[in-house]
Amino acid sequence: MIVKVGKKDWDINDCTYAERRELHKLNAKVWWEGKMDVESYYDVLEKVGVIAGLGENDFKDMDMAKVDEVLQGIFLEYLGIEPAKKDSGG
């Protein structure tokens, strides 16, 4: 499947129902009791990378913040979540 994150189209593996359920479960741990668990957040992103079939070569020219942005975008696509729209102030 193709996912556009930023200005690039990423050719990634499809995500099965079981994998989506696993990602949903991992994501629930990120916000347990109303506080963000950073370790759990990165567990989600690492799992997304594995499912997507992305690795070191895909990210070799990117800084870690950009890698996180790509993985977060793929995560949202996998779970069918639309990113929040930024308020234009108008």
Protein backbone atom coordinates (compact mmCIF):
# COMPACT_ATOMS: atom_id res chain seq x y z
CA MET A 1 0.00 0.00 0.00
CA ILE A 2 1.11 3.57 -0.58
CA VAL A 3 0.96 6.12 2.24
CA LYS A 4 1.85 9.77 1.79
CA VAL A 5 3.65 11.28 4.76
CA GLY A 6 5.01 14.74 4.25
CA LYS A 7 6.12 15.04 0.65
CA LYS A 8 7.01 11.38 0.15
CA ASP A 9 4.95 8.37 -0.86
CA TRP A 10 5.95 5.33 1.21
CA ASP A 11 5.41 1.85 -0.23
CA ILE A 12 4.62 -0.20 2.86
CA ASN A 13 3.11 -3.57 3.76
CA ASP A 14 -0.61 -3.80 4.36
CA CYS A 15 -1.68 -4.22 7.97
CA THR A 16 -3.83 -7.22 8.91
CA TYR A 17 -6.75 -7.10 11.31
CA ALA A 18 -4.66 -8.87 13.98
CA GLU A 19 -1.84 -6.35 13.53
CA ARG A 20 -4.29 -3.43 13.79
CA ARG A 21 -5.66 -4.89 17.01
CA GLU A 22 -2.13 -5.26 18.38
CA LEU A 23 -1.34 -1.64 17.49
CA HIS A 24 -4.58 -0.49 19.11
CA LYS A 25 -3.69 -2.39 22.28
CA LEU A 26 -0.16 -0.98 22.37
CA ASN A 27 -1.51 2.52 21.78
CA ALA A 28 -3.92 2.20 24.72
CA LYS A 29 -0.90 1.68 26.98
CA VAL A 30 0.56 5.01 25.81
CA TRP A 31 -2.24 7.00 27.45
CA TRP A 32 -3.05 4.77 30.43
CA GLU A 33 -4.43 6.78 33.37
CA GLY A 34 -4.30 10.02 31.40
CA LYS A 35 -0.51 10.28 31.29
CA MET A 36 1.72 9.65 28.33
CA ASP A 37 4.13 6.74 28.70
CA VAL A 38 6.99 7.62 26.35
CA GLU A 39 8.43 4.09 26.37
CA SER A 40 5.07 2.68 25.25
CA TYR A 41 4.82 5.35 22.54
CA TYR A 42 8.12 4.24 21.06
CA ASP A 43 7.04 0.60 21.32
CA VAL A 44 4.09 1.53 19.08
CA LEU A 45 6.33 3.27 16.55
CA GLU A 46 8.81 0.38 16.45
CA LYS A 47 5.96 -2.09 15.87
CA VAL A 48 4.62 0.11 13.06
CA GLY A 49 8.02 0.04 11.38
CA VAL A 50 8.16 -3.75 11.58
CA ILE A 51 4.64 -4.21 10.20
CA ALA A 52 5.30 -1.67 7.44
CA GLY A 53 8.47 -3.49 6.42
CA LEU A 54 10.61 -0.39 6.87
CA GLY A 55 14.14 -0.48 8.17
CA GLU A 56 17.40 1.34 8.52
CA ASN A 57 17.91 1.83 4.77
CA ASP A 58 14.53 3.54 4.46
CA PHE A 59 15.48 6.13 7.07
CA LYS A 60 19.23 6.49 6.49
CA ASP A 61 19.12 10.19 5.51
CA MET A 62 16.55 11.27 8.12
CA ASP A 63 16.86 12.58 11.65
CA MET A 64 15.01 10.71 14.40
CA ALA A 65 12.23 13.30 14.71
CA LYS A 66 11.45 12.86 10.99
CA VAL A 67 11.51 9.06 11.36
CA ASP A 68 9.00 9.37 14.20
CA GLU A 69 6.81 11.60 12.02
CA VAL A 70 6.79 9.02 9.22
CA LEU A 71 5.99 6.14 11.59
CA GLN A 72 3.24 8.18 13.28
CA GLY A 73 1.69 8.95 9.89
CA ILE A 74 1.73 5.27 8.95
CA PHE A 75 0.23 4.38 12.33
CA LEU A 76 -2.66 6.78 11.74
CA GLU A 77 -3.23 5.30 8.29
CA TYR A 78 -3.19 1.73 9.62
CA LEU A 79 -5.81 2.50 12.26
CA GLY A 80 -7.91 4.72 10.00
CA ILE A 81 -7.43 7.76 12.20
CA GLU A 82 -7.37 11.14 10.52
CA PRO A 83 -4.81 13.55 11.92
CA ALA A 84 -6.26 16.59 13.69
CA LYS A 85 -6.76 19.54 11.41
CA LYS A 86 -4.72 22.59 12.35
CA ASP A 87 -6.82 25.63 13.20
CA SER A 88 -6.24 28.31 10.59
CA GLY A 89 -7.21 30.98 13.11
CA GLY A 90 -10.04 32.25 10.97
